[in-house]
Amino acid sequence: MQIYRLLSPELIEMDLDPLIRDIYEKNYPNDYDDKELDQRKPMEIKEIVLTALTRILERTDRVQNPSKLVKDLLFREKKASTGIGLSIAIPHIRTMQVKDFVIGFGRSNNGILYDAIDNLPVHLFFPLVAPPYDDREYLKVLRKLTELLQFEHIRDCLLEAEDPGEVIRILKSEE
């Protein structure tokens, strides 16, 4: 399974922070502050982040209902956090809200408290969604992605990448 082939530049957001700030300001217009996001409840933070990640995935024609996709992802997060530690989160779900398998990438330069298992801020987000009948590819990509991201040098390269093409090249060189 070659993850780099599944990613395209429009599915990569090199700086999630402005998008997250924009969503946060709209959801909480009276009390926005750069440091306020970290003080919100974990599920409120996740809803804002998942909304931002869904907007990335919407850049394709594969997302059918973005608001329901956010709700499905949030429901999945209530079962167990997809913040797997080491500065990584892989929000993933099989849902009717997408036509075909889609994966994206978003990087938060500031880091976000995402209720990761190591309680550290998350910088690298890989949203992964597939239709309910697409178990095989979904599970292969999820497994391959977690295997790749266990290596510190890959995470460091992704944190330092300057453009979407470089993100794709990093994944390609490591697969």
C-alpha atoms as a PDB file:
ATOM      1  CA  MET A   1       0.000   0.000   0.000  1.00  0.00           C
ATOM      2  CA  GLN A   2       1.580   3.275  -1.110  1.00  0.00           C
ATOM      3  CA  ILE A   3       0.112   6.111   0.940  1.00  0.00           C
ATOM      4  CA  TYR A   4       1.838   8.824  -1.044  1.00  0.00           C
ATOM      5  CA  ARG A   5      -0.251   7.830  -4.080  1.00  0.00           C
ATOM      6  CA  LEU A   6      -3.452   8.449  -2.119  1.00  0.00           C
ATOM      7  CA  LEU A   7      -2.477  11.986  -1.124  1.00  0.00           C
ATOM      8  CA  SER A   8      -2.638  14.948  -3.458  1.00  0.00           C
ATOM      9  CA  PRO A   9      -1.520  18.537  -2.831  1.00  0.00           C
ATOM     10  CA  GLU A  10      -5.101  19.790  -2.344  1.00  0.00           C
ATOM     11  CA  LEU A  11      -5.555  17.287   0.504  1.00  0.00           C
ATOM     12  CA  ILE A  12      -2.562  18.676   2.398  1.00  0.00           C
ATOM     13  CA  GLU A  13      -2.761  21.690   4.705  1.00  0.00           C
ATOM     14  CA  MET A  14       0.672  22.845   5.810  1.00  0.00           C
ATOM     15  CA  ASP A  15      -0.665  25.158   8.540  1.00  0.00           C
ATOM     16  CA  LEU A  16      -3.941  24.135  10.144  1.00  0.00           C
ATOM     17  CA  ASP A  17      -3.753  26.865  12.772  1.00  0.00           C
ATOM     18  CA  PRO A  18      -5.382  29.718  10.763  1.00  0.00           C
ATOM     19  CA  LEU A  19      -8.202  27.407   9.645  1.00  0.00           C
ATOM     20  CA  ILE A  20      -8.759  26.253  13.223  1.00  0.00           C
ATOM     21  CA  ARG A  21      -8.721  29.873  14.476  1.00  0.00           C
ATOM     22  CA  ASP A  22     -11.326  30.809  11.860  1.00  0.00           C
ATOM     23  CA  ILE A  23     -13.640  27.956  12.891  1.00  0.00           C
ATOM     24  CA  TYR A  24     -13.078  28.727  16.564  1.00  0.00           C
ATOM     25  CA  GLU A  25     -13.916  32.409  16.104  1.00  0.00           C
ATOM     26  CA  LYS A  26     -17.172  31.433  14.372  1.00  0.00           C
ATOM     27  CA  ASN A  27     -18.124  28.901  17.064  1.00  0.00           C
ATOM     28  CA  TYR A  28     -17.112  31.065  20.033  1.00  0.00           C
ATOM     29  CA  PRO A  29     -17.228  34.675  18.758  1.00  0.00           C
ATOM     30  CA  ASN A  30     -17.415  36.340  22.169  1.00  0.00           C
ATOM     31  CA  ASP A  31     -14.477  34.691  23.884  1.00  0.00           C
ATOM     32  CA  TYR A  32     -11.873  33.965  21.229  1.00  0.00           C
ATOM     33  CA  ASP A  33      -8.269  34.270  22.348  1.00  0.00           C
ATOM     34  CA  ASP A  34      -5.191  32.548  20.901  1.00  0.00           C
ATOM     35  CA  LYS A  35      -4.677  30.643  24.160  1.00  0.00           C
ATOM     36  CA  GLU A  36      -8.379  29.995  24.754  1.00  0.00           C
ATOM     37  CA  LEU A  37      -8.616  26.911  22.518  1.00  0.00           C
ATOM     38  CA  ASP A  38      -6.445  24.891  24.918  1.00  0.00           C
ATOM     39  CA  GLN A  39      -8.806  25.828  27.749  1.00  0.00           C
ATOM     40  CA  ARG A  40     -11.906  24.421  26.033  1.00  0.00           C
ATOM     41  CA  LYS A  41     -13.263  20.983  26.861  1.00  0.00           C
ATOM     42  CA  PRO A  42     -11.500  18.172  24.960  1.00  0.00           C
ATOM     43  CA  MET A  43     -14.542  17.308  22.826  1.00  0.00           C
ATOM     44  CA  GLU A  44     -15.038  20.987  21.902  1.00  0.00           C
ATOM     45  CA  ILE A  45     -11.415  21.153  20.764  1.00  0.00           C
ATOM     46  CA  LYS A  46     -11.866  17.951  18.785  1.00  0.00           C
ATOM     47  CA  GLU A  47     -15.018  19.239  17.114  1.00  0.00           C
ATOM     48  CA  ILE A  48     -13.167  22.350  15.924  1.00  0.00           C
ATOM     49  CA  VAL A  49     -10.178  20.320  14.692  1.00  0.00           C
ATOM     50  CA  LEU A  50     -12.365  17.707  12.987  1.00  0.00           C
ATOM     51  CA  THR A  51     -14.308  20.479  11.253  1.00  0.00           C
ATOM     52  CA  ALA A  52     -11.020  21.858   9.920  1.00  0.00           C
ATOM     53  CA  LEU A  53      -9.869  18.406   8.776  1.00  0.00           C
ATOM     54  CA  THR A  54     -13.216  17.783   7.096  1.00  0.00           C
ATOM     55  CA  ARG A  55     -12.801  21.035   5.179  1.00  0.00           C
ATOM     56  CA  ILE A  56      -9.537  19.658   3.820  1.00  0.00           C
ATOM     57  CA  LEU A  57     -11.242  16.444   2.714  1.00  0.00           C
ATOM     58  CA  GLU A  58     -14.060  18.476   1.139  1.00  0.00           C
ATOM     59  CA  ARG A  59     -11.570  19.759  -1.415  1.00  0.00           C
ATOM     60  CA  THR A  60     -12.370  16.574  -3.315  1.00  0.00           C
ATOM     61  CA  ASP A  61     -15.782  15.497  -4.526  1.00  0.00           C
ATOM     62  CA  ARG A  62     -15.753  12.455  -2.234  1.00  0.00           C
ATOM     63  CA  VAL A  63     -17.382  14.021   0.855  1.00  0.00           C
ATOM     64  CA  GLN A  64     -21.163  13.870   0.601  1.00  0.00           C
ATOM     65  CA  ASN A  65     -22.262  15.542   3.842  1.00  0.00           C
ATOM     66  CA  PRO A  66     -19.520  17.451   5.703  1.00  0.00           C
ATOM     67  CA  SER A  67     -21.530  18.237   8.840  1.00  0.00           C
ATOM     68  CA  LYS A  68     -22.563  14.594   9.255  1.00  0.00           C
ATOM     69  CA  LEU A  69     -18.957  13.524   8.632  1.00  0.00           C
ATOM     70  CA  VAL A  70     -17.813  15.769  11.489  1.00  0.00           C
ATOM     71  CA  LYS A  71     -20.494  14.221  13.728  1.00  0.00           C
ATOM     72  CA  ASP A  72     -19.421  10.701  12.748  1.00  0.00           C
ATOM     73  CA  LEU A  73     -15.773  11.496  13.450  1.00  0.00           C
ATOM     74  CA  LEU A  74     -16.699  13.092  16.772  1.00  0.00           C
ATOM     75  CA  PHE A  75     -18.755  10.036  17.734  1.00  0.00           C
ATOM     76  CA  ARG A  76     -15.717   7.891  16.907  1.00  0.00           C
ATOM     77  CA  GLU A  77     -13.542  10.096  19.133  1.00  0.00           C
ATOM     78  CA  LYS A  78     -15.953   9.596  22.041  1.00  0.00           C
ATOM     79  CA  LYS A  79     -15.254   5.860  21.886  1.00  0.00           C
ATOM     80  CA  ALA A  80     -11.465   6.286  21.981  1.00  0.00           C
ATOM     81  CA  SER A  81      -9.113   9.085  21.047  1.00  0.00           C
ATOM     82  CA  THR A  82      -7.349   8.819  17.709  1.00  0.00           C
ATOM     83  CA  GLY A  83      -4.489  10.865  19.158  1.00  0.00           C
ATOM     84  CA  ILE A  84      -1.988   8.017  19.093  1.00  0.00           C
ATOM     85  CA  GLY A  85       0.870   9.913  20.733  1.00  0.00           C
ATOM     86  CA  LEU A  86       4.230  11.063  19.392  1.00  0.00           C
ATOM     87  CA  SER A  87       2.534  14.262  18.135  1.00  0.00           C
ATOM     88  CA  ILE A  88       0.198  12.288  15.817  1.00  0.00           C
ATOM     89  CA  ALA A  89      -3.561  11.892  15.419  1.00  0.00           C
ATOM     90  CA  ILE A  90      -5.239   9.724  12.819  1.00  0.00           C
ATOM     91  CA  PRO A  91      -8.960  10.503  12.982  1.00  0.00           C
ATOM     92  CA  HIS A  92     -10.493   7.637  11.056  1.00  0.00           C
ATOM     93  CA  ILE A  93     -13.894   6.152  10.365  1.00  0.00           C
ATOM     94  CA  ARG A  94     -15.897   4.169   7.870  1.00  0.00           C
ATOM     95  CA  THR A  95     -19.022   6.150   7.054  1.00  0.00           C
ATOM     96  CA  MET A  96     -21.721   6.710   4.463  1.00  0.00           C
ATOM     97  CA  GLN A  97     -20.671  10.365   4.336  1.00  0.00           C
ATOM     98  CA  VAL A  98     -17.984   9.686   1.729  1.00  0.00           C
ATOM     99  CA  LYS A  99     -18.265   8.193  -1.756  1.00  0.00           C
ATOM    100  CA  ASP A 100     -14.739   6.780  -1.859  1.00  0.00           C
ATOM    101  CA  PHE A 101     -11.717   6.345   0.361  1.00  0.00           C
ATOM    102  CA  VAL A 102      -9.945   9.623   1.140  1.00  0.00           C
ATOM    103  CA  ILE A 103      -6.945  10.578   3.262  1.00  0.00           C
ATOM    104  CA  GLY A 104      -5.633  14.025   4.074  1.00  0.00           C
ATOM    105  CA  PHE A 105      -2.814  15.651   5.993  1.00  0.00           C
ATOM    106  CA  GLY A 106      -2.856  18.686   8.237  1.00  0.00           C
ATOM    107  CA  ARG A 107      -0.059  20.133  10.321  1.00  0.00           C
ATOM    108  CA  SER A 108      -0.475  22.367  13.335  1.00  0.00           C
ATOM    109  CA  ASN A 109       2.683  24.339  13.898  1.00  0.00           C
ATOM    110  CA  ASN A 110       1.461  25.386  17.365  1.00  0.00           C
ATOM    111  CA  GLY A 111       0.307  21.917  18.396  1.00  0.00           C
ATOM    112  CA  ILE A 112      -3.167  21.120  19.697  1.00  0.00           C
ATOM    113  CA  LEU A 113      -4.178  19.387  22.902  1.00  0.00           C
ATOM    114  CA  TYR A 114      -6.136  16.575  21.270  1.00  0.00           C
ATOM    115  CA  ASP A 115      -6.434  14.148  24.178  1.00  0.00           C
ATOM    116  CA  ALA A 116      -3.594  12.030  22.783  1.00  0.00           C
ATOM    117  CA  ILE A 117      -2.605   8.947  24.743  1.00  0.00           C
ATOM    118  CA  ASP A 118       0.668  10.603  25.807  1.00  0.00           C
ATOM    119  CA  ASN A 119      -1.148  13.856  26.774  1.00  0.00           C
ATOM    120  CA  LEU A 120       1.153  15.890  24.524  1.00  0.00           C
ATOM    121  CA  PRO A 121       0.047  18.348  21.812  1.00  0.00           C
ATOM    122  CA  VAL A 122      -0.598  16.937  18.356  1.00  0.00           C
ATOM    123  CA  HIS A 123       1.113  18.495  15.334  1.00  0.00           C
ATOM    124  CA  LEU A 124       0.477  15.927  12.591  1.00  0.00           C
ATOM    125  CA  PHE A 125      -3.072  14.975  11.603  1.00  0.00           C
ATOM    126  CA  PHE A 126      -3.987  12.331   9.046  1.00  0.00           C
ATOM    127  CA  PRO A 127      -7.783  12.203   8.605  1.00  0.00           C
ATOM    128  CA  LEU A 128      -8.775   8.915   7.013  1.00  0.00           C
ATOM    129  CA  VAL A 129     -12.336   8.116   5.902  1.00  0.00           C
ATOM    130  CA  ALA A 130     -13.853   5.380   3.806  1.00  0.00           C
ATOM    131  CA  PRO A 131     -17.288   4.026   2.930  1.00  0.00           C
ATOM    132  CA  PRO A 132     -18.483   1.220   5.240  1.00  0.00           C
ATOM    133  CA  TYR A 133     -17.869  -1.450   2.618  1.00  0.00           C
ATOM    134  CA  ASP A 134     -14.202  -0.488   2.055  1.00  0.00           C
ATOM    135  CA  ASP A 135     -12.593  -2.408   4.929  1.00  0.00           C
ATOM    136  CA  ARG A 136      -9.593  -3.775   3.076  1.00  0.00           C
ATOM    137  CA  GLU A 137      -8.002  -0.566   1.811  1.00  0.00           C
ATOM    138  CA  TYR A 138      -9.012   1.345   4.951  1.00  0.00           C
ATOM    139  CA  LEU A 139      -7.299  -1.115   7.278  1.00  0.00           C
ATOM    140  CA  LYS A 140      -4.200  -1.455   5.074  1.00  0.00           C
ATOM    141  CA  VAL A 141      -3.691   2.311   4.967  1.00  0.00           C
ATOM    142  CA  LEU A 142      -4.312   2.709   8.689  1.00  0.00           C
ATOM    143  CA  ARG A 143      -1.782  -0.019   9.492  1.00  0.00           C
ATOM    144  CA  LYS A 144       0.836   1.275   7.031  1.00  0.00           C
ATOM    145  CA  LEU A 145       0.450   4.847   8.275  1.00  0.00           C
ATOM    146  CA  THR A 146       0.909   3.887  11.921  1.00  0.00           C
ATOM    147  CA  GLU A 147       3.971   1.817  10.980  1.00  0.00           C
ATOM    148  CA  LEU A 148       5.545   4.709   9.051  1.00  0.00           C
ATOM    149  CA  LEU A 149       4.875   7.328  11.708  1.00  0.00           C
ATOM    150  CA  GLN A 150       6.559   5.382  14.474  1.00  0.00           C
ATOM    151  CA  PHE A 151       9.913   6.545  13.068  1.00  0.00           C
ATOM    152  CA  GLU A 152      11.103   9.825  14.529  1.00  0.00           C
ATOM    153  CA  HIS A 153      12.971  10.898  11.397  1.00  0.00           C
ATOM    154  CA  ILE A 154       9.767  10.670   9.334  1.00  0.00           C
ATOM    155  CA  ARG A 155       7.828  12.735  11.883  1.00  0.00           C
ATOM    156  CA  ASP A 156      10.649  15.296  11.987  1.00  0.00           C
ATOM    157  CA  CYS A 157      10.711  15.561   8.199  1.00  0.00           C
ATOM    158  CA  LEU A 158       6.931  16.058   8.084  1.00  0.00           C
ATOM    159  CA  LEU A 159       7.199  18.774  10.738  1.00  0.00           C
ATOM    160  CA  GLU A 160       9.863  20.561   8.701  1.00  0.00           C
ATOM    161  CA  ALA A 161       8.335  20.094   5.230  1.00  0.00           C
ATOM    162  CA  GLU A 162       7.776  23.380   3.419  1.00  0.00           C
ATOM    163  CA  ASP A 163       5.095  22.448   0.893  1.00  0.00           C
ATOM    164  CA  PRO A 164       2.606  19.694   0.006  1.00  0.00           C
ATOM    165  CA  GLY A 165       4.922  18.231  -2.628  1.00  0.00           C
ATOM    166  CA  GLU A 166       7.579  17.719   0.001  1.00  0.00           C
ATOM    167  CA  VAL A 167       5.105  15.869   2.260  1.00  0.00           C
ATOM    168  CA  ILE A 168       4.329  13.497  -0.602  1.00  0.00           C
ATOM    169  CA  ARG A 169       8.040  13.054  -1.412  1.00  0.00           C
ATOM    170  CA  ILE A 170       8.818  12.232   2.243  1.00  0.00           C
ATOM    171  CA  LEU A 171       6.149   9.529   2.341  1.00  0.00           C
ATOM    172  CA  LYS A 172       7.256   8.194  -1.052  1.00  0.00           C
ATOM    173  CA  SER A 173      10.895   7.956   0.002  1.00  0.00           C
ATOM    174  CA  GLU A 174       9.980   5.993   3.141  1.00  0.00           C
ATOM    175  CA  GLU A 175       7.576   3.478   1.613  1.00  0.00           C
END
